[in-house]
Amino acid sequence: MNSNSKLFIGLVGTNGAGKSAVCEYLETKNFQVFSLSDIVREEAAKRNLEPNRDNLVWTGNLLKSLMGDNVLAKEAFQNAIQNEIPFTVFDSIRHTKEVEFFKNKGVFIIGVDAPIKTRYERIKKRKKDTDNVTFETFKEHDERENSGSSAGQAIKAALELCDTLIDNSGTLSSLHKKIDKALESH
């Protein structure tokens, strides 16, 4: 099956903006999620690194410096093609080169964002290992990941390349309506 007969969605978003909520909703619509971050986590585990945010950023940057800024996108896309899944969402796109790669493959790119205080409150509630940080630390990580000062990540620039941008500062129901509207427009 070639990629033209599939529906591919890509997600770019700031930390805590609601990418996981988008993925969970799309899964109810029979999408399978391929997270670029999972590739980084697997590599960090191979290197016996604790899966904290700094180690994951370092590992992702290392992979990108060795194999190109779109290496994670290429691997995730290959996994989706090999598994012949008709509805696929690529989660955790963090770099413009990843967006460009996916767009060249016909992937519809959705950006998700919300105000920083809203995002911080969300990460405190979800309680992932990487989320146990102060607001000041969260802001530092956010700035590093969004600005491109972390070589392998430039989330703000990647958001600017999205086909559509969803403001997820409201309710889950509101988010679902915005996702449906984005899918209908595509």
N, C-alpha and C. Protein backbone atom coordinates (compact mmCIF):
# COMPACT_ATOMS: atom_id res chain seq x y z
N MET A 1 0.85 -1.18 0.00
CA MET A 1 0.00 0.00 0.00
C MET A 1 0.88 1.23 0.00
N ASN A 2 0.59 2.19 -0.88
CA ASN A 2 1.43 3.38 -0.88
C ASN A 2 0.87 4.43 0.06
N SER A 3 1.70 5.42 0.39
CA SER A 3 1.34 6.42 1.40
C SER A 3 0.18 7.31 0.96
N ASN A 4 -0.11 7.38 -0.35
CA ASN A 4 -1.19 8.24 -0.83
C ASN A 4 -2.57 7.71 -0.44
N SER A 5 -2.69 6.42 -0.14
CA SER A 5 -3.99 5.85 0.22
C SER A 5 -4.20 5.85 1.73
N LYS A 6 -3.37 6.54 2.45
CA LYS A 6 -3.46 6.60 3.91
C LYS A 6 -3.73 8.03 4.35
N LEU A 7 -4.22 8.16 5.57
CA LEU A 7 -4.40 9.47 6.17
C LEU A 7 -3.33 9.63 7.25
N PHE A 8 -2.41 10.53 7.01
CA PHE A 8 -1.33 10.81 7.94
C PHE A 8 -1.54 12.17 8.57
N ILE A 9 -1.43 12.22 9.89
CA ILE A 9 -1.51 13.47 10.65
C ILE A 9 -0.21 13.58 11.44
N GLY A 10 0.36 14.77 11.50
CA GLY A 10 1.53 15.02 12.32
C GLY A 10 1.17 16.04 13.39
N LEU A 11 1.75 15.89 14.58
CA LEU A 11 1.48 16.80 15.69
C LEU A 11 2.75 17.49 16.16
N VAL A 12 2.66 18.81 16.19
CA VAL A 12 3.71 19.66 16.77
C VAL A 12 3.05 20.36 17.95
N GLY A 13 3.76 20.46 19.05
CA GLY A 13 3.18 21.20 20.17
C GLY A 13 4.16 21.41 21.29
N THR A 14 3.89 22.43 22.04
CA THR A 14 4.70 22.73 23.21
C THR A 14 4.41 21.72 24.31
N ASN A 15 5.32 21.62 25.27
CA ASN A 15 5.18 20.70 26.38
C ASN A 15 3.93 21.04 27.18
N GLY A 16 3.03 20.06 27.35
CA GLY A 16 1.82 20.26 28.13
C GLY A 16 0.68 20.90 27.36
N ALA A 17 0.85 21.10 26.05
CA ALA A 17 -0.19 21.76 25.25
C ALA A 17 -1.38 20.86 24.98
N GLY A 18 -1.18 19.55 25.05
CA GLY A 18 -2.28 18.62 24.83
C GLY A 18 -2.09 17.67 23.67
N LYS A 19 -0.84 17.44 23.25
CA LYS A 19 -0.60 16.50 22.16
C LYS A 19 -1.12 15.11 22.51
N SER A 20 -0.91 14.69 23.74
CA SER A 20 -1.39 13.37 24.17
C SER A 20 -2.91 13.29 24.12
N ALA A 21 -3.58 14.37 24.52
CA ALA A 21 -5.04 14.40 24.46
C ALA A 21 -5.52 14.31 23.01
N VAL A 22 -4.81 14.96 22.09
CA VAL A 22 -5.14 14.86 20.67
C VAL A 22 -4.95 13.42 20.21
N CYS A 23 -3.83 12.82 20.58
CA CYS A 23 -3.56 11.43 20.19
C CYS A 23 -4.63 10.48 20.73
N GLU A 24 -4.98 10.65 21.99
CA GLU A 24 -6.02 9.78 22.59
C GLU A 24 -7.33 9.92 21.84
N TYR A 25 -7.70 11.13 21.47
CA TYR A 25 -8.94 11.34 20.72
C TYR A 25 -8.84 10.71 19.33
N LEU A 26 -7.71 10.89 18.65
CA LEU A 26 -7.54 10.31 17.33
C LEU A 26 -7.54 8.78 17.39
N GLU A 27 -7.05 8.22 18.49
CA GLU A 27 -7.09 6.75 18.65
C GLU A 27 -8.54 6.25 18.67
N THR A 28 -9.46 7.05 19.20
CA THR A 28 -10.88 6.65 19.18
C THR A 28 -11.43 6.66 17.75
N LYS A 29 -10.71 7.31 16.85
CA LYS A 29 -11.09 7.37 15.44
C LYS A 29 -10.23 6.41 14.60
N ASN A 30 -9.64 5.42 15.27
CA ASN A 30 -8.85 4.35 14.63
C ASN A 30 -7.49 4.78 14.09
N PHE A 31 -6.95 5.85 14.63
CA PHE A 31 -5.58 6.23 14.29
C PHE A 31 -4.61 5.46 15.17
N GLN A 32 -3.47 5.10 14.62
CA GLN A 32 -2.38 4.54 15.42
C GLN A 32 -1.34 5.63 15.59
N VAL A 33 -0.82 5.74 16.81
CA VAL A 33 0.15 6.78 17.13
C VAL A 33 1.57 6.25 17.02
N PHE A 34 2.41 7.01 16.32
CA PHE A 34 3.84 6.77 16.28
C PHE A 34 4.51 8.00 16.87
N SER A 35 5.08 7.86 18.06
CA SER A 35 5.70 9.00 18.73
C SER A 35 7.19 9.06 18.42
N LEU A 36 7.62 10.21 17.93
CA LEU A 36 9.05 10.40 17.70
C LEU A 36 9.81 10.32 19.01
N SER A 37 9.19 10.71 20.10
CA SER A 37 9.82 10.66 21.42
C SER A 37 10.10 9.22 21.85
N ASP A 38 9.26 8.27 21.41
CA ASP A 38 9.50 6.87 21.76
C ASP A 38 10.82 6.37 21.18
N ILE A 39 11.16 6.85 19.99
CA ILE A 39 12.42 6.47 19.37
C ILE A 39 13.58 6.98 20.23
N VAL A 40 13.44 8.20 20.72
CA VAL A 40 14.48 8.78 21.59
C VAL A 40 14.56 8.01 22.90
N ARG A 41 13.41 7.67 23.49
CA ARG A 41 13.40 6.91 24.75
C ARG A 41 14.10 5.56 24.58
N GLU A 42 13.82 4.89 23.45
CA GLU A 42 14.46 3.60 23.19
C GLU A 42 15.97 3.75 23.09
N GLU A 43 16.43 4.79 22.41
CA GLU A 43 17.87 5.01 22.28
C GLU A 43 18.49 5.34 23.63
N ALA A 44 17.81 6.15 24.44
CA ALA A 44 18.32 6.48 25.78
C ALA A 44 18.44 5.22 26.63
N ALA A 45 17.46 4.35 26.52
CA ALA A 45 17.48 3.09 27.28
C ALA A 45 18.66 2.22 26.84
N LYS A 46 18.93 2.18 25.54
CA LYS A 46 20.08 1.42 25.03
C LYS A 46 21.38 1.95 25.61
N ARG A 47 21.40 3.23 25.91
CA ARG A 47 22.61 3.87 26.45
C ARG A 47 22.60 3.91 27.99
N ASN A 48 21.62 3.21 28.58
CA ASN A 48 21.47 3.14 30.05
C ASN A 48 21.34 4.52 30.69
N LEU A 49 20.62 5.41 30.01
CA LEU A 49 20.40 6.76 30.53
C LEU A 49 19.04 6.82 31.21
N GLU A 50 19.00 7.49 32.34
CA GLU A 50 17.73 7.72 33.03
C GLU A 50 16.85 8.56 32.10
N PRO A 51 15.54 8.23 31.99
CA PRO A 51 14.70 8.94 31.03
C PRO A 51 14.19 10.29 31.54
N ASN A 52 15.11 11.15 32.01
CA ASN A 52 14.69 12.49 32.42
C ASN A 52 14.77 13.42 31.20
N ARG A 53 14.19 14.58 31.32
CA ARG A 53 14.08 15.50 30.18
C ARG A 53 15.46 15.86 29.61
N ASP A 54 16.44 16.16 30.45
CA ASP A 54 17.77 16.52 29.96
C ASP A 54 18.41 15.39 29.17
N ASN A 55 18.32 14.15 29.68
CA ASN A 55 18.89 13.01 28.97
C ASN A 55 18.18 12.74 27.65
N LEU A 56 16.87 12.91 27.64
CA LEU A 56 16.11 12.68 26.41
C LEU A 56 16.44 13.74 25.36
N VAL A 57 16.54 14.99 25.80
CA VAL A 57 16.92 16.06 24.86
C VAL A 57 18.32 15.79 24.32
N TRP A 58 19.24 15.41 25.20
CA TRP A 58 20.62 15.12 24.78
C TRP A 58 20.63 13.97 23.76
N THR A 59 19.88 12.91 24.05
CA THR A 59 19.85 11.74 23.16
C THR A 59 19.25 12.11 21.80
N GLY A 60 18.15 12.86 21.81
CA GLY A 60 17.55 13.29 20.55
C GLY A 60 18.49 14.16 19.75
N ASN A 61 19.15 15.07 20.43
CA ASN A 61 20.12 15.94 19.75
C ASN A 61 21.28 15.13 19.17
N LEU A 62 21.73 14.14 19.91
CA LEU A 62 22.81 13.28 19.43
C LEU A 62 22.40 12.56 18.15
N LEU A 63 21.23 11.93 18.18
CA LEU A 63 20.74 11.22 17.00
C LEU A 63 20.65 12.16 15.80
N LYS A 64 20.13 13.35 16.04
CA LYS A 64 19.97 14.31 14.94
C LYS A 64 21.32 14.82 14.43
N SER A 65 22.29 14.99 15.35
CA SER A 65 23.61 15.45 14.90
C SER A 65 24.33 14.38 14.10
N LEU A 66 24.08 13.12 14.42
CA LEU A 66 24.74 12.02 13.71
C LEU A 66 24.06 11.66 12.40
N MET A 67 22.71 11.77 12.37
CA MET A 67 21.96 11.25 11.23
C MET A 67 21.03 12.25 10.57
N GLY A 68 21.09 13.51 10.98
CA GLY A 68 20.25 14.53 10.36
C GLY A 68 19.05 14.89 11.22
N ASP A 69 18.62 16.14 11.09
CA ASP A 69 17.53 16.64 11.93
C ASP A 69 16.19 15.97 11.69
N ASN A 70 16.06 15.23 10.60
CA ASN A 70 14.79 14.55 10.34
C ASN A 70 14.86 13.04 10.56
N VAL A 71 15.89 12.56 11.24
CA VAL A 71 16.08 11.12 11.44
C VAL A 71 14.89 10.48 12.16
N LEU A 72 14.34 11.15 13.16
CA LEU A 72 13.21 10.58 13.91
C LEU A 72 11.97 10.50 13.03
N ALA A 73 11.76 11.52 12.22
CA ALA A 73 10.62 11.54 11.30
C ALA A 73 10.75 10.40 10.29
N LYS A 74 11.94 10.22 9.75
CA LYS A 74 12.17 9.15 8.77
C LYS A 74 11.87 7.78 9.39
N GLU A 75 12.36 7.55 10.60
CA GLU A 75 12.15 6.25 11.24
C GLU A 75 10.68 6.01 11.55
N ALA A 76 10.00 7.02 12.08
CA ALA A 76 8.58 6.88 12.40
C ALA A 76 7.77 6.63 11.12
N PHE A 77 8.09 7.35 10.06
CA PHE A 77 7.37 7.18 8.80
C PHE A 77 7.58 5.78 8.25
N GLN A 78 8.82 5.30 8.28
CA GLN A 78 9.11 3.94 7.81
C GLN A 78 8.32 2.91 8.61
N ASN A 79 8.24 3.09 9.93
CA ASN A 79 7.47 2.17 10.77
C ASN A 79 6.00 2.14 10.35
N ALA A 80 5.43 3.30 10.07
CA ALA A 80 4.03 3.38 9.67
C ALA A 80 3.81 2.71 8.31
N ILE A 81 4.70 2.95 7.36
CA ILE A 81 4.59 2.36 6.03
C ILE A 81 4.70 0.84 6.11
N GLN A 82 5.67 0.34 6.88
CA GLN A 82 5.87 -1.10 7.00
C GLN A 82 4.68 -1.79 7.65
N ASN A 83 4.00 -1.11 8.57
CA ASN A 83 2.87 -1.71 9.27
C ASN A 83 1.54 -1.55 8.51
N GLU A 84 1.58 -0.85 7.38
CA GLU A 84 0.41 -0.67 6.52
C GLU A 84 -0.83 -0.26 7.31
N ILE A 85 -0.70 0.78 8.11
CA ILE A 85 -1.79 1.28 8.92
C ILE A 85 -2.47 2.43 8.17
N PRO A 86 -3.80 2.34 7.97
CA PRO A 86 -4.47 3.35 7.16
C PRO A 86 -4.57 4.74 7.80
N PHE A 87 -4.64 4.81 9.12
CA PHE A 87 -4.75 6.10 9.81
C PHE A 87 -3.62 6.20 10.82
N THR A 88 -2.74 7.18 10.60
CA THR A 88 -1.55 7.30 11.43
C THR A 88 -1.39 8.73 11.92
N VAL A 89 -1.01 8.87 13.19
CA VAL A 89 -0.65 10.19 13.72
C VAL A 89 0.79 10.11 14.22
N PHE A 90 1.60 11.04 13.76
CA PHE A 90 2.99 11.14 14.19
C PHE A 90 3.05 12.21 15.28
N ASP A 91 3.38 11.79 16.48
CA ASP A 91 3.37 12.67 17.64
C ASP A 91 4.79 13.15 17.97
N SER A 92 4.86 14.32 18.61
CA SER A 92 6.11 14.88 19.14
C SER A 92 7.08 15.34 18.06
N ILE A 93 6.56 15.96 17.03
CA ILE A 93 7.40 16.59 16.02
C ILE A 93 7.95 17.87 16.64
N ARG A 94 9.27 18.05 16.62
CA ARG A 94 9.88 19.16 17.34
C ARG A 94 10.85 20.01 16.52
N HIS A 95 10.97 19.74 15.24
CA HIS A 95 11.96 20.45 14.44
C HIS A 95 11.40 20.74 13.05
N THR A 96 11.83 21.85 12.48
CA THR A 96 11.36 22.24 11.15
C THR A 96 11.72 21.20 10.09
N LYS A 97 12.86 20.55 10.23
CA LYS A 97 13.26 19.54 9.23
C LYS A 97 12.33 18.33 9.30
N GLU A 98 11.82 18.03 10.51
CA GLU A 98 10.83 16.94 10.64
C GLU A 98 9.52 17.34 9.96
N VAL A 99 9.08 18.58 10.18
CA VAL A 99 7.86 19.08 9.54
C VAL A 99 8.02 19.01 8.02
N GLU A 100 9.14 19.50 7.52
CA GLU A 100 9.38 19.49 6.07
C GLU A 100 9.37 18.07 5.51
N PHE A 101 10.01 17.14 6.21
CA PHE A 101 10.03 15.74 5.77
C PHE A 101 8.61 15.21 5.67
N PHE A 102 7.84 15.40 6.75
CA PHE A 102 6.48 14.87 6.76
C PHE A 102 5.60 15.54 5.70
N LYS A 103 5.72 16.84 5.54
CA LYS A 103 4.91 17.53 4.52
C LYS A 103 5.23 16.99 3.13
N ASN A 104 6.49 16.69 2.87
CA ASN A 104 6.88 16.12 1.59
C ASN A 104 6.30 14.73 1.36
N LYS A 105 5.88 14.08 2.44
CA LYS A 105 5.25 12.76 2.36
C LYS A 105 3.72 12.86 2.40
N GLY A 106 3.19 14.08 2.35
CA GLY A 106 1.74 14.26 2.34
C GLY A 106 1.08 14.25 3.71
N VAL A 107 1.85 14.44 4.75
CA VAL A 107 1.31 14.44 6.11
C VAL A 107 0.70 15.81 6.41
N PHE A 108 -0.50 15.82 6.96
CA PHE A 108 -1.20 17.04 7.38
C PHE A 108 -0.72 17.37 8.79
N ILE A 109 -0.11 18.54 8.96
CA ILE A 109 0.53 18.89 10.23
C ILE A 109 -0.36 19.82 11.05
N ILE A 110 -0.66 19.36 12.28
CA ILE A 110 -1.47 20.13 13.22
C ILE A 110 -0.57 20.59 14.37
N GLY A 111 -0.64 21.87 14.68
CA GLY A 111 0.07 22.42 15.82
C GLY A 111 -0.88 22.59 17.00
N VAL A 112 -0.39 22.35 18.20
CA VAL A 112 -1.19 22.48 19.42
C VAL A 112 -0.41 23.34 20.41
N ASP A 113 -1.08 24.35 20.94
CA ASP A 113 -0.42 25.22 21.92
C ASP A 113 -1.44 25.71 22.94
N ALA A 114 -0.93 26.22 24.03
CA ALA A 114 -1.74 26.79 25.11
C ALA A 114 -0.83 27.70 25.91
N PRO A 115 -1.40 28.60 26.71
CA PRO A 115 -0.58 29.48 27.55
C PRO A 115 0.33 28.68 28.49
N ILE A 116 1.49 29.24 28.80
CA ILE A 116 2.49 28.51 29.58
C ILE A 116 1.98 28.09 30.96
N LYS A 117 1.22 28.93 31.64
CA LYS A 117 0.71 28.56 32.97
C LYS A 117 -0.28 27.40 32.88
N THR A 118 -1.10 27.40 31.86
CA THR A 118 -2.03 26.30 31.64
C THR A 118 -1.26 25.01 31.40
N ARG A 119 -0.23 25.10 30.58
CA ARG A 119 0.58 23.92 30.26
C ARG A 119 1.29 23.39 31.51
N TYR A 120 1.80 24.30 32.34
CA TYR A 120 2.48 23.87 33.55
C TYR A 120 1.51 23.14 34.48
N GLU A 121 0.32 23.67 34.64
CA GLU A 121 -0.68 23.01 35.49
C GLU A 121 -1.01 21.61 34.96
N ARG A 122 -1.06 21.48 33.66
CA ARG A 122 -1.34 20.17 33.06
C ARG A 122 -0.22 19.17 33.32
N ILE A 123 1.02 19.61 33.19
CA ILE A 123 2.11 18.65 33.40
C ILE A 123 2.19 18.23 34.87
N LYS A 124 1.83 19.12 35.77
CA LYS A 124 1.83 18.76 37.20
C LYS A 124 0.77 17.69 37.47
N LYS A 125 -0.36 17.77 36.76
CA LYS A 125 -1.44 16.79 36.95
C LYS A 125 -1.11 15.44 36.32
N ARG A 126 -0.40 15.44 35.19
CA ARG A 126 -0.13 14.17 34.52
C ARG A 126 0.98 13.38 35.21
N LYS A 127 1.88 14.05 35.88
CA LYS A 127 2.90 13.43 36.74
C LYS A 127 3.82 12.43 36.04
N LYS A 128 4.26 12.74 34.82
CA LYS A 128 5.29 11.93 34.18
C LYS A 128 6.61 12.16 34.91
N ASP A 129 7.54 11.24 34.76
CA ASP A 129 8.86 11.39 35.39
C ASP A 129 9.52 12.72 35.03
N THR A 130 9.35 13.15 33.79
CA THR A 130 10.00 14.37 33.32
C THR A 130 9.27 15.63 33.76
N ASP A 131 8.13 15.48 34.43
CA ASP A 131 7.30 16.63 34.80
C ASP A 131 7.50 17.12 36.23
N ASN A 132 8.33 16.47 36.99
CA ASN A 132 8.53 16.85 38.39
C ASN A 132 9.53 18.00 38.47
N VAL A 133 9.06 19.20 38.06
CA VAL A 133 9.92 20.38 38.01
C VAL A 133 9.16 21.60 38.54
N THR A 134 9.92 22.60 38.94
CA THR A 134 9.32 23.87 39.36
C THR A 134 8.86 24.64 38.12
N PHE A 135 8.06 25.67 38.33
CA PHE A 135 7.60 26.49 37.22
C PHE A 135 8.79 27.16 36.54
N GLU A 136 9.77 27.61 37.32
CA GLU A 136 10.96 28.26 36.74
C GLU A 136 11.72 27.29 35.84
N THR A 137 11.90 26.05 36.29
CA THR A 137 12.58 25.04 35.48
C THR A 137 11.78 24.73 34.23
N PHE A 138 10.46 24.63 34.38
CA PHE A 138 9.58 24.39 33.23
C PHE A 138 9.75 25.50 32.19
N LYS A 139 9.79 26.75 32.65
CA LYS A 139 9.98 27.88 31.73
C LYS A 139 11.33 27.80 31.03
N GLU A 140 12.39 27.41 31.77
CA GLU A 140 13.71 27.26 31.15
C GLU A 140 13.70 26.18 30.07
N HIS A 141 13.11 25.02 30.40
CA HIS A 141 13.02 23.93 29.42
C HIS A 141 12.21 24.37 28.20
N ASP A 142 11.10 25.07 28.48
CA ASP A 142 10.22 25.53 27.43
C ASP A 142 10.95 26.46 26.47
N GLU A 143 11.70 27.40 27.02
CA GLU A 143 12.45 28.35 26.20
C GLU A 143 13.51 27.63 25.37
N ARG A 144 14.22 26.71 25.98
CA ARG A 144 15.27 25.96 25.28
C ARG A 144 14.68 25.14 24.13
N GLU A 145 13.57 24.45 24.38
CA GLU A 145 12.97 23.58 23.37
C GLU A 145 12.25 24.37 22.28
N ASN A 146 11.67 25.49 22.63
CA ASN A 146 10.90 26.26 21.66
C ASN A 146 11.76 27.16 20.79
N SER A 147 12.85 27.66 21.34
CA SER A 147 13.65 28.68 20.66
C SER A 147 14.63 28.13 19.64
N GLY A 148 14.96 26.86 19.74
CA GLY A 148 15.97 26.31 18.87
C GLY A 148 17.35 26.33 19.49
N SER A 149 17.45 26.80 20.76
CA SER A 149 18.77 26.80 21.42
C SER A 149 19.19 25.38 21.77
N SER A 150 18.24 24.43 21.80
CA SER A 150 18.56 23.02 21.86
C SER A 150 18.65 22.59 20.40
N ALA A 151 19.82 22.19 19.96
CA ALA A 151 20.09 21.99 18.53
C ALA A 151 19.05 21.13 17.80
N GLY A 152 18.51 20.13 18.46
CA GLY A 152 17.58 19.22 17.79
C GLY A 152 16.13 19.63 17.92
N GLN A 153 15.85 20.75 18.58
CA GLN A 153 14.47 21.15 18.79
C GLN A 153 14.29 22.64 18.48
N ALA A 154 13.23 22.91 17.76
CA ALA A 154 12.86 24.29 17.45
C ALA A 154 11.34 24.32 17.30
N ILE A 155 10.66 24.10 18.42
CA ILE A 155 9.21 23.90 18.40
C ILE A 155 8.48 25.13 17.87
N LYS A 156 8.89 26.32 18.30
CA LYS A 156 8.20 27.53 17.85
C LYS A 156 8.26 27.65 16.33
N ALA A 157 9.43 27.45 15.75
CA ALA A 157 9.57 27.52 14.28
C ALA A 157 8.78 26.40 13.61
N ALA A 158 8.75 25.22 14.23
CA ALA A 158 7.98 24.10 13.67
C ALA A 158 6.48 24.41 13.70
N LEU A 159 6.02 25.05 14.78
CA LEU A 159 4.60 25.44 14.86
C LEU A 159 4.22 26.39 13.73
N GLU A 160 5.14 27.26 13.36
CA GLU A 160 4.87 28.22 12.29
C GLU A 160 4.69 27.55 10.93
N LEU A 161 5.17 26.33 10.77
CA LEU A 161 5.05 25.60 9.51
C LEU A 161 3.81 24.70 9.44
N CYS A 162 3.05 24.64 10.52
CA CYS A 162 1.90 23.74 10.57
C CYS A 162 0.81 24.16 9.59
N ASP A 163 0.05 23.17 9.12
CA ASP A 163 -1.07 23.45 8.24
C ASP A 163 -2.21 24.12 8.98
N THR A 164 -2.35 23.81 10.26
CA THR A 164 -3.36 24.43 11.12
C THR A 164 -2.83 24.45 12.55
N LEU A 165 -3.27 25.45 13.31
CA LEU A 165 -2.83 25.59 14.69
C LEU A 165 -4.06 25.60 15.60
N ILE A 166 -4.04 24.75 16.62
CA ILE A 166 -5.14 24.65 17.57
C ILE A 166 -4.71 25.26 18.89
N ASP A 167 -5.51 26.21 19.37
CA ASP A 167 -5.30 26.77 20.71
C ASP A 167 -6.06 25.87 21.68
N ASN A 168 -5.33 25.18 22.53
CA ASN A 168 -5.93 24.25 23.47
C ASN A 168 -5.94 24.83 24.88
N SER A 169 -6.51 26.00 25.03
CA SER A 169 -6.58 26.61 26.35
C SER A 169 -7.95 26.38 26.99
N GLY A 170 -8.82 25.65 26.30
CA GLY A 170 -10.18 25.41 26.80
C GLY A 170 -10.38 24.00 27.32
N THR A 171 -11.60 23.52 27.15
CA THR A 171 -12.01 22.21 27.65
C THR A 171 -11.60 21.09 26.69
N LEU A 172 -11.68 19.88 27.16
CA LEU A 172 -11.41 18.71 26.33
C LEU A 172 -12.44 18.62 25.20
N SER A 173 -13.68 18.92 25.50
CA SER A 173 -14.74 18.92 24.49
C SER A 173 -14.43 19.93 23.39
N SER A 174 -13.97 21.11 23.78
CA SER A 174 -13.59 22.14 22.83
C SER A 174 -12.43 21.67 21.95
N LEU A 175 -11.45 21.01 22.57
CA LEU A 175 -10.32 20.47 21.81
C LEU A 175 -10.80 19.47 20.78
N HIS A 176 -11.69 18.56 21.17
CA HIS A 176 -12.21 17.55 20.24
C HIS A 176 -12.90 18.20 19.05
N LYS A 177 -13.68 19.26 19.30
CA LYS A 177 -14.35 19.96 18.21
C LYS A 177 -13.34 20.59 17.26
N LYS A 178 -12.27 21.15 17.82
CA LYS A 178 -11.24 21.77 16.99
C LYS A 178 -10.49 20.73 16.15
N ILE A 179 -10.27 19.55 16.72
CA ILE A 179 -9.63 18.47 15.97
C ILE A 179 -10.54 18.04 14.82
N ASP A 180 -11.82 17.83 15.11
CA ASP A 180 -12.77 17.43 14.07
C ASP A 180 -12.80 18.46 12.95
N LYS A 181 -12.81 19.74 13.30
CA LYS A 181 -12.83 20.81 12.29
C LYS A 181 -11.57 20.76 11.44
N ALA A 182 -10.40 20.55 12.09
CA ALA A 182 -9.13 20.46 11.34
C ALA A 182 -9.16 19.27 10.38
N LEU A 183 -9.67 18.13 10.84
CA LEU A 183 -9.73 16.94 9.97
C LEU A 183 -10.69 17.17 8.82
N GLU A 184 -11.83 17.82 9.08
CA GLU A 184 -12.80 18.11 8.02
C GLU A 184 -12.19 19.05 6.97
N SER A 185 -11.41 20.02 7.42
CA SER A 185 -10.80 20.98 6.49
C SER A 185 -9.73 20.32 5.62
N HIS A 186 -9.19 19.24 6.12
CA HIS A 186 -8.15 18.54 5.36
C HIS A 186 -8.81 17.58 4.39
